N, C-alpha and C. Protein backbone atom coordinates (compact mmCIF):
# COMPACT_ATOMS: atom_id res chain seq x y z
N MET A 1 -5.42 33.95 -51.97
CA MET A 1 -3.95 34.24 -52.10
C MET A 1 -2.78 34.58 -51.21
N LYS A 2 -3.47 35.81 -51.38
CA LYS A 2 -2.40 36.50 -50.37
C LYS A 2 -2.40 36.45 -48.93
N ARG A 3 -3.78 36.02 -48.44
CA ARG A 3 -3.98 35.40 -46.85
C ARG A 3 -3.14 34.32 -46.52
N LEU A 4 -3.15 33.41 -47.45
CA LEU A 4 -2.52 31.65 -47.79
C LEU A 4 -0.73 32.27 -47.34
N LEU A 5 -0.24 33.00 -48.13
CA LEU A 5 0.87 33.06 -48.40
C LEU A 5 1.52 33.76 -47.25
N ALA A 6 0.52 34.73 -46.47
CA ALA A 6 0.79 35.56 -45.38
C ALA A 6 0.85 34.74 -44.12
N GLY A 7 -0.35 33.83 -44.02
CA GLY A 7 -0.28 32.87 -43.15
C GLY A 7 1.12 31.82 -42.95
N ALA A 8 1.12 31.48 -44.14
CA ALA A 8 2.23 30.25 -44.48
C ALA A 8 3.30 31.19 -43.69
N ALA A 9 4.06 32.34 -44.36
CA ALA A 9 4.88 33.20 -43.84
C ALA A 9 5.15 33.03 -42.14
N LEU A 10 4.27 33.56 -41.84
CA LEU A 10 3.90 33.56 -40.30
C LEU A 10 4.24 32.55 -39.59
N ALA A 11 3.69 31.43 -40.02
CA ALA A 11 3.97 30.20 -39.50
C ALA A 11 5.09 29.79 -39.32
N LEU A 12 5.76 30.06 -40.48
CA LEU A 12 7.26 30.14 -40.57
C LEU A 12 8.25 30.52 -39.56
N GLY A 13 7.75 31.91 -39.51
CA GLY A 13 8.27 32.90 -39.02
C GLY A 13 8.41 32.18 -37.16
N LEU A 14 7.40 31.86 -36.61
CA LEU A 14 6.87 31.79 -35.63
C LEU A 14 7.71 30.29 -35.34
N PHE A 15 7.92 29.27 -36.42
CA PHE A 15 8.10 28.02 -36.23
C PHE A 15 10.16 28.02 -35.93
N ALA A 16 10.25 28.90 -36.68
CA ALA A 16 12.22 29.46 -36.93
C ALA A 16 12.31 29.92 -35.60
N GLY A 17 11.35 31.17 -35.11
CA GLY A 17 11.98 31.55 -33.75
C GLY A 17 11.90 30.63 -32.73
N ALA A 18 11.05 30.09 -32.73
CA ALA A 18 10.90 29.01 -31.47
C ALA A 18 12.14 27.70 -31.50
N HIS A 19 13.03 27.89 -32.80
CA HIS A 19 13.87 26.86 -32.64
C HIS A 19 15.59 27.77 -32.37
N ALA A 20 15.32 29.02 -32.38
CA ALA A 20 16.21 29.88 -32.36
C ALA A 20 16.78 29.72 -31.09
N ALA A 21 16.58 29.20 -30.22
CA ALA A 21 17.26 29.16 -28.90
C ALA A 21 18.44 29.29 -28.69
N ILE A 22 19.50 30.05 -28.58
CA ILE A 22 20.94 30.15 -28.50
C ILE A 22 21.45 30.40 -27.46
N ASP A 23 22.57 29.74 -26.83
CA ASP A 23 23.07 30.03 -25.24
C ASP A 23 24.52 31.04 -26.10
N THR A 24 24.23 32.52 -25.23
CA THR A 24 25.18 33.56 -25.27
C THR A 24 25.77 33.93 -23.90
N PHE A 25 27.42 33.50 -23.81
CA PHE A 25 27.58 33.22 -23.17
C PHE A 25 28.77 33.88 -23.33
N GLU A 26 29.34 34.82 -22.38
CA GLU A 26 30.62 35.80 -22.75
C GLU A 26 31.99 34.74 -22.04
N PHE A 27 32.91 34.84 -23.12
CA PHE A 27 34.24 34.19 -22.68
C PHE A 27 35.40 34.93 -22.63
N SER A 28 36.06 34.65 -22.00
CA SER A 28 37.48 35.57 -21.74
C SER A 28 38.48 35.49 -22.50
N SER A 29 38.53 34.72 -23.77
CA SER A 29 39.44 33.89 -24.03
C SER A 29 38.52 32.94 -25.28
N GLU A 30 39.09 32.58 -26.54
CA GLU A 30 38.99 31.83 -27.44
C GLU A 30 39.11 30.45 -27.14
N ALA A 31 40.52 29.95 -26.36
CA ALA A 31 40.60 29.21 -25.82
C ALA A 31 39.60 28.28 -25.08
N GLU A 32 38.99 29.44 -23.92
CA GLU A 32 37.71 28.94 -22.92
C GLU A 32 36.81 28.66 -23.99
N ARG A 33 36.40 29.32 -24.93
CA ARG A 33 35.05 28.92 -25.84
C ARG A 33 35.39 27.66 -26.58
N GLN A 34 36.55 27.52 -26.61
CA GLN A 34 36.68 26.01 -27.26
C GLN A 34 36.53 25.10 -26.34
N ARG A 35 37.22 25.21 -25.09
CA ARG A 35 37.00 24.51 -24.07
C ARG A 35 35.45 23.83 -23.77
N TYR A 36 34.70 25.09 -23.24
CA TYR A 36 33.40 24.90 -23.93
C TYR A 36 32.32 23.76 -24.35
N ARG A 37 32.90 24.08 -25.81
CA ARG A 37 32.43 23.89 -26.88
C ARG A 37 32.75 22.11 -26.64
N SER A 38 34.25 21.78 -26.74
CA SER A 38 34.35 19.89 -26.86
C SER A 38 33.79 19.94 -25.11
N LEU A 39 33.49 20.22 -24.26
CA LEU A 39 32.67 19.88 -23.61
C LEU A 39 31.13 19.81 -23.56
N ILE A 40 30.58 20.42 -24.30
CA ILE A 40 29.25 20.31 -24.77
C ILE A 40 28.66 19.24 -25.27
N GLU A 41 29.68 19.07 -26.43
CA GLU A 41 30.03 18.12 -27.44
C GLU A 41 29.97 16.81 -27.10
N GLU A 42 30.91 16.53 -25.74
CA GLU A 42 31.04 15.03 -25.36
C GLU A 42 30.66 14.80 -24.65
N LEU A 43 29.51 15.71 -24.10
CA LEU A 43 28.67 14.63 -22.70
C LEU A 43 27.49 14.76 -23.52
N ARG A 44 26.88 13.47 -23.00
CA ARG A 44 25.84 13.36 -23.55
C ARG A 44 24.32 13.63 -22.84
N CYS A 45 22.96 14.46 -23.20
CA CYS A 45 21.60 14.54 -22.64
C CYS A 45 21.13 13.62 -21.69
N PRO A 46 21.01 13.59 -20.20
CA PRO A 46 20.50 12.46 -19.68
C PRO A 46 18.80 12.80 -20.27
N LYS A 47 18.26 13.13 -21.34
CA LYS A 47 17.02 13.63 -21.20
C LYS A 47 16.85 12.83 -22.87
N CYS A 48 17.68 13.13 -23.56
CA CYS A 48 17.49 12.76 -25.17
C CYS A 48 18.33 11.94 -25.56
N GLN A 49 19.36 11.17 -24.91
CA GLN A 49 19.83 9.96 -24.80
C GLN A 49 20.63 9.62 -25.84
N ASN A 50 20.60 10.07 -26.92
CA ASN A 50 21.49 10.29 -28.23
C ASN A 50 21.92 11.86 -29.15
N GLN A 51 21.59 12.50 -28.11
CA GLN A 51 22.13 14.07 -28.55
C GLN A 51 23.05 14.32 -27.45
N ASN A 52 24.51 15.12 -27.89
CA ASN A 52 25.21 15.69 -26.96
C ASN A 52 24.21 17.07 -26.29
N ILE A 53 24.79 17.18 -24.89
CA ILE A 53 24.04 18.49 -24.75
C ILE A 53 24.48 19.75 -25.77
N ALA A 54 24.77 20.45 -26.55
CA ALA A 54 25.02 21.43 -27.19
C ALA A 54 24.05 21.09 -28.12
N ASP A 55 23.70 20.15 -28.95
CA ASP A 55 22.60 20.14 -29.60
C ASP A 55 21.14 19.86 -29.58
N SER A 56 20.73 19.52 -28.01
CA SER A 56 19.62 19.14 -27.35
C SER A 56 18.48 20.38 -27.17
N ASP A 57 17.82 20.49 -26.93
CA ASP A 57 17.08 21.49 -26.87
C ASP A 57 16.51 21.16 -25.38
N ALA A 58 16.31 20.06 -24.79
CA ALA A 58 15.70 19.89 -23.45
C ALA A 58 16.27 21.25 -22.70
N PRO A 59 15.27 21.39 -21.64
CA PRO A 59 15.43 22.09 -20.21
C PRO A 59 16.64 21.72 -19.72
N ILE A 60 16.62 20.93 -19.17
CA ILE A 60 17.80 19.57 -18.54
C ILE A 60 19.34 20.29 -19.55
N ALA A 61 19.01 20.06 -20.71
CA ALA A 61 20.72 20.48 -21.52
C ALA A 61 20.76 21.80 -21.45
N MET A 62 19.90 22.85 -20.90
CA MET A 62 19.80 23.95 -21.17
C MET A 62 20.61 24.48 -19.84
N ASP A 63 20.40 23.85 -18.73
CA ASP A 63 20.50 23.79 -17.62
C ASP A 63 22.40 23.48 -16.98
N LEU A 64 22.71 22.05 -18.03
CA LEU A 64 23.56 21.52 -17.89
C LEU A 64 25.12 22.50 -19.09
N ARG A 65 24.54 23.08 -20.01
CA ARG A 65 25.09 24.27 -20.83
C ARG A 65 25.78 25.30 -19.71
N SER A 66 24.67 25.81 -18.64
CA SER A 66 24.86 27.01 -18.18
C SER A 66 26.13 26.68 -16.88
N GLU A 67 25.67 25.22 -16.40
CA GLU A 67 26.65 24.82 -15.39
C GLU A 67 27.35 24.71 -15.88
N ILE A 68 27.92 24.07 -16.30
CA ILE A 68 29.44 23.55 -17.38
C ILE A 68 30.32 25.51 -17.34
N TYR A 69 29.44 25.98 -18.05
CA TYR A 69 30.03 28.14 -18.07
C TYR A 69 29.84 28.12 -16.90
N ARG A 70 29.37 27.73 -15.92
CA ARG A 70 29.66 28.59 -14.25
C ARG A 70 30.86 27.55 -13.84
N MET A 71 31.02 26.58 -14.17
CA MET A 71 32.60 25.94 -13.71
C MET A 71 33.48 26.33 -14.52
N LEU A 72 33.22 26.83 -15.40
CA LEU A 72 35.12 27.11 -16.22
C LEU A 72 35.04 28.49 -16.11
N GLU A 73 33.96 29.54 -15.18
CA GLU A 73 34.27 30.65 -15.13
C GLU A 73 34.91 30.33 -13.56
N GLU A 74 34.49 29.38 -12.59
CA GLU A 74 35.12 29.04 -11.60
C GLU A 74 36.67 28.39 -11.53
N GLY A 75 36.99 28.37 -13.13
CA GLY A 75 38.13 27.95 -13.09
C GLY A 75 38.51 26.22 -12.91
N LYS A 76 37.56 25.71 -12.94
CA LYS A 76 37.64 24.28 -12.64
C LYS A 76 38.23 23.48 -14.14
N SER A 77 39.16 22.41 -13.86
CA SER A 77 39.33 21.76 -14.82
C SER A 77 38.31 20.58 -15.88
N ASN A 78 38.91 20.51 -16.98
CA ASN A 78 37.52 19.59 -17.52
C ASN A 78 37.67 18.46 -16.56
N GLU A 79 38.13 17.59 -16.39
CA GLU A 79 38.10 16.16 -15.29
C GLU A 79 37.16 16.42 -14.08
N GLU A 80 37.78 17.32 -13.63
CA GLU A 80 36.34 18.30 -12.73
C GLU A 80 35.41 18.46 -12.78
N ILE A 81 34.76 18.96 -14.28
CA ILE A 81 33.49 19.05 -14.20
C ILE A 81 32.94 17.64 -15.03
N ILE A 82 33.51 16.78 -15.78
CA ILE A 82 33.44 15.49 -16.15
C ILE A 82 32.98 14.45 -14.85
N ASP A 83 33.70 15.16 -14.26
CA ASP A 83 33.57 13.84 -12.47
C ASP A 83 31.99 14.38 -12.39
N PHE A 84 31.42 15.69 -11.85
CA PHE A 84 31.10 15.94 -11.21
C PHE A 84 29.71 15.82 -11.84
N LEU A 85 29.41 15.65 -13.42
CA LEU A 85 28.36 15.46 -14.29
C LEU A 85 28.03 14.05 -14.13
N VAL A 86 29.58 12.91 -14.32
CA VAL A 86 28.82 11.68 -13.66
C VAL A 86 28.59 11.48 -12.62
N SER A 87 29.62 11.93 -11.36
CA SER A 87 28.66 11.57 -9.43
C SER A 87 27.25 12.09 -9.99
N ARG A 88 26.84 12.79 -10.65
CA ARG A 88 25.50 13.07 -10.68
C ARG A 88 24.39 12.18 -11.55
N TYR A 89 24.97 12.02 -13.10
CA TYR A 89 23.96 11.37 -13.44
C TYR A 89 24.34 10.18 -14.20
N GLY A 90 26.02 9.67 -13.59
CA GLY A 90 26.29 8.32 -14.01
C GLY A 90 26.85 8.44 -15.21
N ASP A 91 27.76 7.26 -15.31
CA ASP A 91 28.38 6.85 -16.57
C ASP A 91 27.82 6.86 -17.53
N PHE A 92 26.38 7.38 -18.15
CA PHE A 92 25.41 7.50 -18.87
C PHE A 92 25.60 8.94 -19.89
N VAL A 93 26.02 10.11 -19.14
CA VAL A 93 26.25 11.02 -19.56
C VAL A 93 27.88 11.37 -20.74
N LEU A 94 28.49 10.15 -20.62
CA LEU A 94 29.77 9.65 -21.10
C LEU A 94 29.45 9.37 -22.17
N TYR A 95 29.81 9.48 -23.68
CA TYR A 95 29.51 8.44 -25.06
C TYR A 95 30.76 7.69 -24.75
N LYS A 96 31.53 7.43 -24.56
CA LYS A 96 32.74 6.56 -24.08
C LYS A 96 32.49 6.31 -22.47
N PRO A 97 32.19 5.68 -21.85
CA PRO A 97 32.01 5.34 -20.52
C PRO A 97 33.33 4.71 -20.62
N PRO A 98 33.91 4.62 -19.18
CA PRO A 98 35.20 3.87 -18.66
C PRO A 98 35.00 2.33 -19.30
N LEU A 99 36.20 1.49 -19.06
CA LEU A 99 35.95 0.19 -19.04
C LEU A 99 36.16 -0.24 -17.31
N THR A 100 34.73 -0.78 -16.76
CA THR A 100 34.53 -1.30 -15.52
C THR A 100 34.02 -2.59 -15.32
N SER A 101 33.78 -3.17 -14.05
CA SER A 101 32.84 -4.63 -14.17
C SER A 101 31.77 -3.89 -14.44
N ARG A 102 30.95 -2.68 -14.13
CA ARG A 102 29.09 -2.61 -14.52
C ARG A 102 29.57 -2.24 -15.95
N THR A 103 30.79 -1.64 -16.71
CA THR A 103 30.41 -1.67 -18.25
C THR A 103 31.13 -2.80 -19.11
N LEU A 104 31.23 -3.84 -18.27
CA LEU A 104 31.59 -5.11 -19.39
C LEU A 104 30.86 -5.10 -20.29
N LEU A 105 29.85 -5.17 -20.06
CA LEU A 105 28.53 -6.09 -21.09
C LEU A 105 28.29 -4.82 -21.89
N LEU A 106 28.43 -3.71 -21.64
CA LEU A 106 28.49 -2.22 -22.55
C LEU A 106 29.68 -2.89 -23.67
N TRP A 107 30.38 -2.68 -23.10
CA TRP A 107 32.19 -2.78 -24.31
C TRP A 107 31.91 -4.22 -24.88
N TYR A 108 32.13 -5.62 -24.20
CA TYR A 108 32.37 -6.75 -24.84
C TYR A 108 30.32 -7.22 -24.96
N GLY A 109 29.70 -6.76 -25.00
CA GLY A 109 28.38 -7.85 -25.17
C GLY A 109 28.13 -7.46 -26.88
N PRO A 110 28.19 -6.34 -27.61
CA PRO A 110 27.66 -7.19 -28.81
C PRO A 110 28.84 -7.66 -29.39
N ALA A 111 30.22 -7.76 -29.06
CA ALA A 111 30.85 -9.22 -29.53
C ALA A 111 30.49 -10.69 -29.28
N GLY A 112 30.37 -10.61 -27.85
CA GLY A 112 29.68 -11.78 -27.48
C GLY A 112 28.42 -12.09 -28.41
N LEU A 113 27.74 -11.34 -28.93
CA LEU A 113 26.53 -11.72 -29.18
C LEU A 113 26.71 -12.24 -30.47
N LEU A 114 27.63 -11.45 -31.24
CA LEU A 114 27.73 -11.92 -32.52
C LEU A 114 28.77 -13.28 -32.60
N LEU A 115 29.32 -13.68 -31.99
CA LEU A 115 29.78 -14.89 -31.44
C LEU A 115 29.21 -15.76 -31.53
N ILE A 116 28.10 -15.84 -30.31
CA ILE A 116 26.88 -16.59 -29.94
C ILE A 116 26.14 -17.04 -31.25
N GLY A 117 25.82 -16.04 -32.01
CA GLY A 117 24.75 -16.02 -33.31
C GLY A 117 25.73 -16.87 -34.55
N PHE A 118 27.34 -16.52 -34.67
CA PHE A 118 27.97 -17.59 -35.25
C PHE A 118 28.09 -19.31 -34.94
N GLY A 119 28.10 -18.97 -33.41
CA GLY A 119 28.05 -20.74 -33.25
C GLY A 119 26.46 -21.15 -33.10
N VAL A 120 25.23 -20.37 -33.24
CA VAL A 120 24.63 -20.99 -33.39
C VAL A 120 24.19 -21.51 -35.19
N LEU A 121 24.54 -20.68 -35.39
CA LEU A 121 24.44 -20.71 -37.47
C LEU A 121 25.31 -22.22 -37.43
N GLY A 122 26.44 -22.15 -37.18
CA GLY A 122 27.41 -23.26 -37.32
C GLY A 122 26.78 -24.59 -36.92
N VAL A 123 25.91 -24.56 -35.46
CA VAL A 123 25.14 -25.72 -35.46
C VAL A 123 23.86 -26.50 -36.33
N ILE A 124 23.66 -25.06 -36.60
CA ILE A 124 22.37 -25.47 -37.68
C ILE A 124 22.76 -25.70 -38.63
N LEU A 125 23.39 -25.27 -39.10
CA LEU A 125 24.13 -25.64 -40.03
C LEU A 125 24.47 -27.08 -40.51
N LEU A 126 25.40 -27.44 -39.21
CA LEU A 126 25.97 -29.01 -39.24
C LEU A 126 24.80 -29.98 -38.94
N ARG A 127 23.82 -30.00 -37.95
CA ARG A 127 22.49 -30.43 -38.22
C ARG A 127 22.37 -30.69 -39.64
N ARG A 128 22.04 -29.78 -40.02
CA ARG A 128 21.21 -30.25 -41.80
C ARG A 128 21.70 -31.04 -42.40
N ARG A 129 23.60 -30.37 -42.24
CA ARG A 129 24.28 -31.57 -43.37
C ARG A 129 23.87 -32.98 -42.78
N GLY A 130 24.07 -33.64 -41.59
CA GLY A 130 23.77 -34.17 -40.63
C GLY A 130 22.24 -35.08 -40.96
N GLN A 131 21.05 -34.23 -41.25
CA GLN A 131 20.49 -34.85 -41.64
C GLN A 131 20.14 -34.94 -42.72
N GLN A 132 20.75 -34.18 -43.87
CA GLN A 132 20.37 -34.87 -45.58
C GLN A 132 21.41 -35.81 -45.53
N GLN A 133 22.41 -36.19 -44.91
CA GLN A 133 23.05 -37.74 -45.07
C GLN A 133 22.17 -38.86 -44.59
N ALA A 134 21.83 -38.43 -43.65
CA ALA A 134 20.75 -39.25 -43.01
C ALA A 134 19.69 -39.89 -43.71
N ARG A 135 19.24 -38.98 -44.07
CA ARG A 135 18.28 -39.09 -44.93
C ARG A 135 18.32 -39.80 -46.53
N THR A 136 19.46 -39.70 -47.15
CA THR A 136 20.51 -40.49 -48.82
C THR A 136 20.16 -41.38 -48.01
N ALA A 137 20.81 -41.58 -46.90
CA ALA A 137 21.01 -43.40 -46.71
C ALA A 137 20.33 -44.17 -45.81
N ALA A 138 19.17 -43.67 -45.56
CA ALA A 138 17.93 -44.07 -44.81
C ALA A 138 17.52 -44.29 -46.15
N THR A 139 17.19 -43.72 -47.13
CA THR A 139 15.77 -43.92 -48.21
C THR A 139 16.15 -44.82 -48.71
N LEU A 140 17.45 -45.73 -49.19
CA LEU A 140 17.52 -47.12 -50.10
C LEU A 140 17.86 -48.36 -49.01
N SER A 141 17.31 -49.22 -49.44
CA SER A 141 17.73 -50.20 -48.50
C SER A 141 18.64 -51.08 -49.09
N THR A 142 19.02 -52.50 -48.35
CA THR A 142 20.52 -52.80 -48.96
C THR A 142 19.99 -53.50 -50.08
N ASP A 143 18.66 -54.05 -49.85
CA ASP A 143 18.73 -54.99 -51.72
C ASP A 143 18.81 -53.63 -52.82
N GLU A 144 18.09 -52.44 -52.41
CA GLU A 144 17.92 -51.48 -53.51
C GLU A 144 19.52 -51.26 -53.55
N GLN A 145 20.14 -50.51 -52.59
CA GLN A 145 21.83 -50.14 -52.98
C GLN A 145 22.81 -51.28 -53.38
N GLN A 146 22.44 -52.11 -53.54
CA GLN A 146 22.93 -53.92 -54.21
C GLN A 146 22.83 -53.10 -55.69
N ARG A 147 21.21 -53.07 -55.56
CA ARG A 147 20.56 -53.11 -56.85
C ARG A 147 21.35 -51.93 -58.03
N LEU A 148 20.92 -50.98 -57.21
CA LEU A 148 21.78 -49.55 -57.71
C LEU A 148 23.61 -49.47 -58.07
N ALA A 149 24.31 -50.15 -57.39
CA ALA A 149 25.74 -50.34 -57.58
C ALA A 149 25.88 -51.19 -58.87
N ALA A 150 24.67 -52.23 -58.59
CA ALA A 150 24.92 -53.21 -60.01
C ALA A 150 24.93 -52.09 -61.77
N LEU A 151 23.56 -51.71 -61.66
CA LEU A 151 22.80 -50.59 -62.58
C LEU A 151 24.22 -49.66 -63.10
N LEU A 152 24.64 -48.86 -61.94
CA LEU A 152 25.66 -48.46 -62.16
C LEU A 152 26.97 -49.00 -62.70
N GLN A 153 27.28 -50.20 -62.75
CA GLN A 153 28.49 -50.88 -63.12
C GLN A 153 28.35 -51.18 -64.54
N GLN A 154 27.00 -51.98 -64.74
CA GLN A 154 26.52 -52.01 -66.24
C GLN A 154 26.32 -50.77 -66.85
N ALA A 155 26.34 -49.55 -66.07
CA ALA A 155 26.33 -48.42 -67.11
C ALA A 155 27.49 -48.02 -67.42
N SER A 156 28.20 -48.42 -66.50
CA SER A 156 29.61 -47.74 -67.25
C SER A 156 30.55 -48.72 -67.69
N GLN A 157 30.19 -50.39 -67.85
CA GLN A 157 30.81 -51.45 -68.46
C GLN A 157 29.85 -51.16 -70.24
N ASP A 158 28.43 -50.72 -70.15
CA ASP A 158 28.12 -50.28 -72.06
C ASP A 158 28.76 -49.08 -72.34
N LYS A 159 29.52 -48.13 -71.64
CA LYS A 159 29.91 -47.05 -71.87
C LYS A 159 31.04 -47.39 -72.70
N LYS A 160 32.02 -47.94 -72.01
CA LYS A 160 33.25 -48.90 -72.37
C LYS A 160 33.25 -49.61 -73.34
N ASP A 161 32.41 -50.37 -73.82
CA ASP A 161 32.09 -50.63 -75.05
C ASP A 161 31.50 -50.38 -76.16
N SER A 162 31.00 -49.19 -76.08
CA SER A 162 30.50 -48.20 -76.95
C SER A 162 31.42 -46.85 -77.47
């Protein structure tokens, strides 16, 4: 039992140590640290696709964090850093890509698909309604329709008499 507990403790210790890779950068001010944090949280990891650079453990994310730190130390602005990363990795690194002719589908595609879906649903409902009306009208011949009308009229007369 002691061996099992010791083995489990060792495995947990190794596992925790593997995920404890934390960047330790020295900043000259708290404002610069906040700029760094905001940049790495608003830029997407090119490999992970749905994680920002701050949360990703991918080697490219580690390189990008150090590259952003280096550019901050050189005194580059946020726009210059973002432009550098966009020129290197494309608009994909931005969580909110700019509205351009290349990103129109990205911005308006979901709304377009939703409208198309509602249109298809409307067409299907109209066709079903038309088919039901055609079925009910086509099931009775003219003689049967006249007999039905006479029966209904007789039933309403019987109701009035009683």
